[in-house]
Amino acid sequence: MRCACCKIGQMEETKTTYFAELKDCYVIIENVPCMKCGQCGEVVFRNSIAEKIDDILDDLEKIVSKISIIDYSKVA
């Protein structure tokens, strides 16, 4: 699949680290499955992965105070 951003690179299945800034904290989610462009580095998540990230962030926002680092493969 060709990258929709740069139109040159090919999207490859890999894992990435997802960073989010919530109301009162920062969250780092490691090992998140994604498609990543080998040319420009654009990252795309499948809908099911994006929904799971949203669920994780909703849950963490209620309990985390500053910084949280979690492994996607252990909470998905």
N, C-alpha and C. Protein backbone atom coordinates (compact mmCIF):
# COMPACT_ATOMS: atom_id res chain seq x y z
N MET A 1 0.85 -1.17 0.00
CA MET A 1 0.00 0.00 0.00
C MET A 1 0.90 1.24 0.00
N ARG A 2 0.60 2.19 -0.84
CA ARG A 2 1.38 3.42 -0.95
C ARG A 2 0.92 4.42 0.11
N CYS A 3 1.85 5.22 0.60
CA CYS A 3 1.57 6.23 1.64
C CYS A 3 0.66 7.32 1.09
N ALA A 4 -0.38 7.65 1.83
CA ALA A 4 -1.31 8.70 1.43
C ALA A 4 -0.71 10.09 1.67
N CYS A 5 0.31 10.19 2.50
CA CYS A 5 0.91 11.48 2.83
C CYS A 5 1.94 11.91 1.78
N CYS A 6 2.98 11.09 1.57
CA CYS A 6 4.04 11.48 0.65
C CYS A 6 3.84 10.94 -0.77
N LYS A 7 2.96 9.96 -0.92
CA LYS A 7 2.64 9.35 -2.22
C LYS A 7 3.80 8.57 -2.84
N ILE A 8 4.92 8.43 -2.11
CA ILE A 8 6.09 7.74 -2.64
C ILE A 8 6.36 6.44 -1.90
N GLY A 9 6.42 6.52 -0.57
CA GLY A 9 6.80 5.38 0.25
C GLY A 9 5.72 4.32 0.34
N GLN A 10 6.16 3.14 0.75
CA GLN A 10 5.26 2.02 0.98
C GLN A 10 4.99 1.90 2.48
N MET A 11 3.73 1.62 2.81
CA MET A 11 3.34 1.43 4.20
C MET A 11 3.71 0.01 4.63
N GLU A 12 4.37 -0.09 5.76
CA GLU A 12 4.81 -1.37 6.28
C GLU A 12 4.21 -1.60 7.67
N GLU A 13 3.81 -2.83 7.92
CA GLU A 13 3.27 -3.16 9.23
C GLU A 13 4.40 -3.21 10.25
N THR A 14 4.23 -2.48 11.35
CA THR A 14 5.25 -2.41 12.38
C THR A 14 4.60 -2.02 13.71
N LYS A 15 5.39 -1.59 14.66
CA LYS A 15 4.88 -1.09 15.93
C LYS A 15 5.51 0.27 16.19
N THR A 16 4.80 1.11 16.94
CA THR A 16 5.28 2.45 17.25
C THR A 16 4.97 2.78 18.70
N THR A 17 5.46 3.92 19.13
CA THR A 17 5.15 4.44 20.45
C THR A 17 4.20 5.61 20.28
N TYR A 18 3.09 5.60 21.03
CA TYR A 18 2.05 6.61 20.93
C TYR A 18 2.15 7.54 22.14
N PHE A 19 2.20 8.85 21.89
CA PHE A 19 2.28 9.85 22.95
C PHE A 19 0.97 10.63 23.00
N ALA A 20 0.48 10.90 24.21
CA ALA A 20 -0.74 11.69 24.36
C ALA A 20 -0.61 12.61 25.57
N GLU A 21 -1.13 13.81 25.43
CA GLU A 21 -1.20 14.75 26.54
C GLU A 21 -2.67 14.86 26.94
N LEU A 22 -2.97 14.41 28.14
CA LEU A 22 -4.33 14.48 28.65
C LEU A 22 -4.45 15.71 29.54
N LYS A 23 -5.58 15.85 30.20
CA LYS A 23 -5.87 17.03 31.02
C LYS A 23 -4.77 17.29 32.05
N ASP A 24 -4.43 16.29 32.84
CA ASP A 24 -3.45 16.48 33.92
C ASP A 24 -2.26 15.54 33.85
N CYS A 25 -2.04 14.92 32.70
CA CYS A 25 -0.96 13.95 32.64
C CYS A 25 -0.49 13.71 31.20
N TYR A 26 0.62 13.00 31.09
CA TYR A 26 1.15 12.55 29.81
C TYR A 26 1.12 11.03 29.79
N VAL A 27 0.80 10.47 28.64
CA VAL A 27 0.72 9.01 28.51
C VAL A 27 1.60 8.58 27.34
N ILE A 28 2.38 7.54 27.56
CA ILE A 28 3.20 6.93 26.52
C ILE A 28 2.75 5.48 26.41
N ILE A 29 2.30 5.09 25.23
CA ILE A 29 1.88 3.70 25.00
C ILE A 29 2.89 3.09 24.03
N GLU A 30 3.61 2.09 24.49
CA GLU A 30 4.63 1.44 23.68
C GLU A 30 4.07 0.26 22.91
N ASN A 31 4.74 -0.11 21.82
CA ASN A 31 4.43 -1.32 21.04
C ASN A 31 3.03 -1.32 20.43
N VAL A 32 2.59 -0.19 19.92
CA VAL A 32 1.27 -0.08 19.31
C VAL A 32 1.37 -0.51 17.84
N PRO A 33 0.58 -1.50 17.42
CA PRO A 33 0.60 -1.94 16.02
C PRO A 33 0.16 -0.80 15.10
N CYS A 34 0.84 -0.66 13.97
CA CYS A 34 0.51 0.40 13.03
C CYS A 34 1.04 0.06 11.64
N MET A 35 0.70 0.92 10.69
CA MET A 35 1.30 0.91 9.37
C MET A 35 2.15 2.17 9.31
N LYS A 36 3.43 2.03 8.89
CA LYS A 36 4.34 3.18 8.87
C LYS A 36 5.02 3.28 7.52
N CYS A 37 5.09 4.49 7.00
CA CYS A 37 5.73 4.74 5.70
C CYS A 37 7.24 4.66 5.84
N GLY A 38 7.86 3.88 4.97
CA GLY A 38 9.31 3.76 4.97
C GLY A 38 10.01 5.00 4.45
N GLN A 39 9.29 5.87 3.76
CA GLN A 39 9.87 7.09 3.18
C GLN A 39 9.76 8.29 4.13
N CYS A 40 8.54 8.63 4.53
CA CYS A 40 8.33 9.86 5.32
C CYS A 40 8.05 9.60 6.80
N GLY A 41 7.78 8.34 7.17
CA GLY A 41 7.54 8.02 8.57
C GLY A 41 6.10 8.21 9.03
N GLU A 42 5.19 8.56 8.12
CA GLU A 42 3.77 8.71 8.45
C GLU A 42 3.26 7.42 9.11
N VAL A 43 2.50 7.57 10.19
CA VAL A 43 1.96 6.42 10.93
C VAL A 43 0.44 6.43 10.81
N VAL A 44 -0.13 5.26 10.51
CA VAL A 44 -1.58 5.10 10.39
C VAL A 44 -2.00 3.92 11.25
N PHE A 45 -3.08 4.11 12.02
CA PHE A 45 -3.62 3.04 12.87
C PHE A 45 -4.90 2.50 12.26
N ARG A 46 -5.10 1.19 12.36
CA ARG A 46 -6.39 0.62 11.98
C ARG A 46 -7.44 1.16 12.94
N ASN A 47 -8.70 1.17 12.50
CA ASN A 47 -9.79 1.69 13.35
C ASN A 47 -9.85 0.99 14.69
N SER A 48 -9.69 -0.33 14.69
CA SER A 48 -9.79 -1.09 15.95
C SER A 48 -8.67 -0.69 16.92
N ILE A 49 -7.48 -0.41 16.39
CA ILE A 49 -6.37 0.01 17.25
C ILE A 49 -6.64 1.42 17.79
N ALA A 50 -7.10 2.33 16.93
CA ALA A 50 -7.41 3.70 17.36
C ALA A 50 -8.50 3.69 18.45
N GLU A 51 -9.50 2.84 18.29
CA GLU A 51 -10.56 2.75 19.30
C GLU A 51 -10.01 2.23 20.62
N LYS A 52 -9.10 1.25 20.56
CA LYS A 52 -8.50 0.70 21.77
C LYS A 52 -7.64 1.75 22.46
N ILE A 53 -6.90 2.54 21.68
CA ILE A 53 -6.11 3.63 22.26
C ILE A 53 -7.02 4.61 22.98
N ASP A 54 -8.14 4.97 22.37
CA ASP A 54 -9.11 5.87 23.01
C ASP A 54 -9.62 5.29 24.32
N ASP A 55 -9.92 3.99 24.32
CA ASP A 55 -10.39 3.32 25.55
C ASP A 55 -9.32 3.38 26.64
N ILE A 56 -8.07 3.09 26.25
CA ILE A 56 -6.96 3.13 27.21
C ILE A 56 -6.82 4.53 27.79
N LEU A 57 -6.86 5.54 26.94
CA LEU A 57 -6.70 6.92 27.40
C LEU A 57 -7.85 7.35 28.31
N ASP A 58 -9.08 6.93 27.97
CA ASP A 58 -10.23 7.25 28.83
C ASP A 58 -10.06 6.66 30.21
N ASP A 59 -9.60 5.41 30.27
CA ASP A 59 -9.40 4.75 31.56
C ASP A 59 -8.27 5.40 32.36
N LEU A 60 -7.17 5.71 31.69
CA LEU A 60 -6.02 6.28 32.38
C LEU A 60 -6.28 7.69 32.88
N GLU A 61 -7.06 8.46 32.13
CA GLU A 61 -7.33 9.85 32.52
C GLU A 61 -7.99 9.93 33.90
N LYS A 62 -8.70 8.88 34.27
CA LYS A 62 -9.40 8.85 35.56
C LYS A 62 -8.47 8.54 36.72
N ILE A 63 -7.31 7.88 36.45
CA ILE A 63 -6.48 7.40 37.56
C ILE A 63 -5.05 7.91 37.57
N VAL A 64 -4.56 8.48 36.47
CA VAL A 64 -3.16 8.88 36.38
C VAL A 64 -3.01 10.35 36.76
N SER A 65 -1.92 10.66 37.48
CA SER A 65 -1.73 12.04 37.90
C SER A 65 -0.66 12.80 37.12
N LYS A 66 0.38 12.15 36.64
CA LYS A 66 1.43 12.88 35.94
C LYS A 66 1.85 12.19 34.63
N ILE A 67 2.57 11.06 34.74
CA ILE A 67 3.08 10.37 33.56
C ILE A 67 2.79 8.88 33.69
N SER A 68 2.35 8.29 32.60
CA SER A 68 2.11 6.85 32.58
C SER A 68 2.72 6.27 31.31
N ILE A 69 3.47 5.18 31.47
CA ILE A 69 4.04 4.46 30.34
C ILE A 69 3.50 3.04 30.40
N ILE A 70 2.80 2.64 29.34
CA ILE A 70 2.23 1.29 29.32
C ILE A 70 2.59 0.60 28.02
N ASP A 71 2.50 -0.73 28.03
CA ASP A 71 2.77 -1.55 26.85
C ASP A 71 1.45 -1.98 26.26
N TYR A 72 1.18 -1.58 25.02
CA TYR A 72 -0.07 -1.88 24.35
C TYR A 72 -0.38 -3.38 24.37
N SER A 73 0.63 -4.19 24.11
CA SER A 73 0.40 -5.63 24.01
C SER A 73 -0.03 -6.25 25.34
N LYS A 74 0.18 -5.54 26.43
CA LYS A 74 -0.22 -6.06 27.74
C LYS A 74 -1.58 -5.57 28.19
N VAL A 75 -2.14 -4.55 27.50
CA VAL A 75 -3.45 -4.02 27.90
C VAL A 75 -4.51 -4.16 26.82
N ALA A 76 -4.11 -4.52 25.63
CA ALA A 76 -5.07 -4.63 24.52
C ALA A 76 -5.86 -5.91 24.59
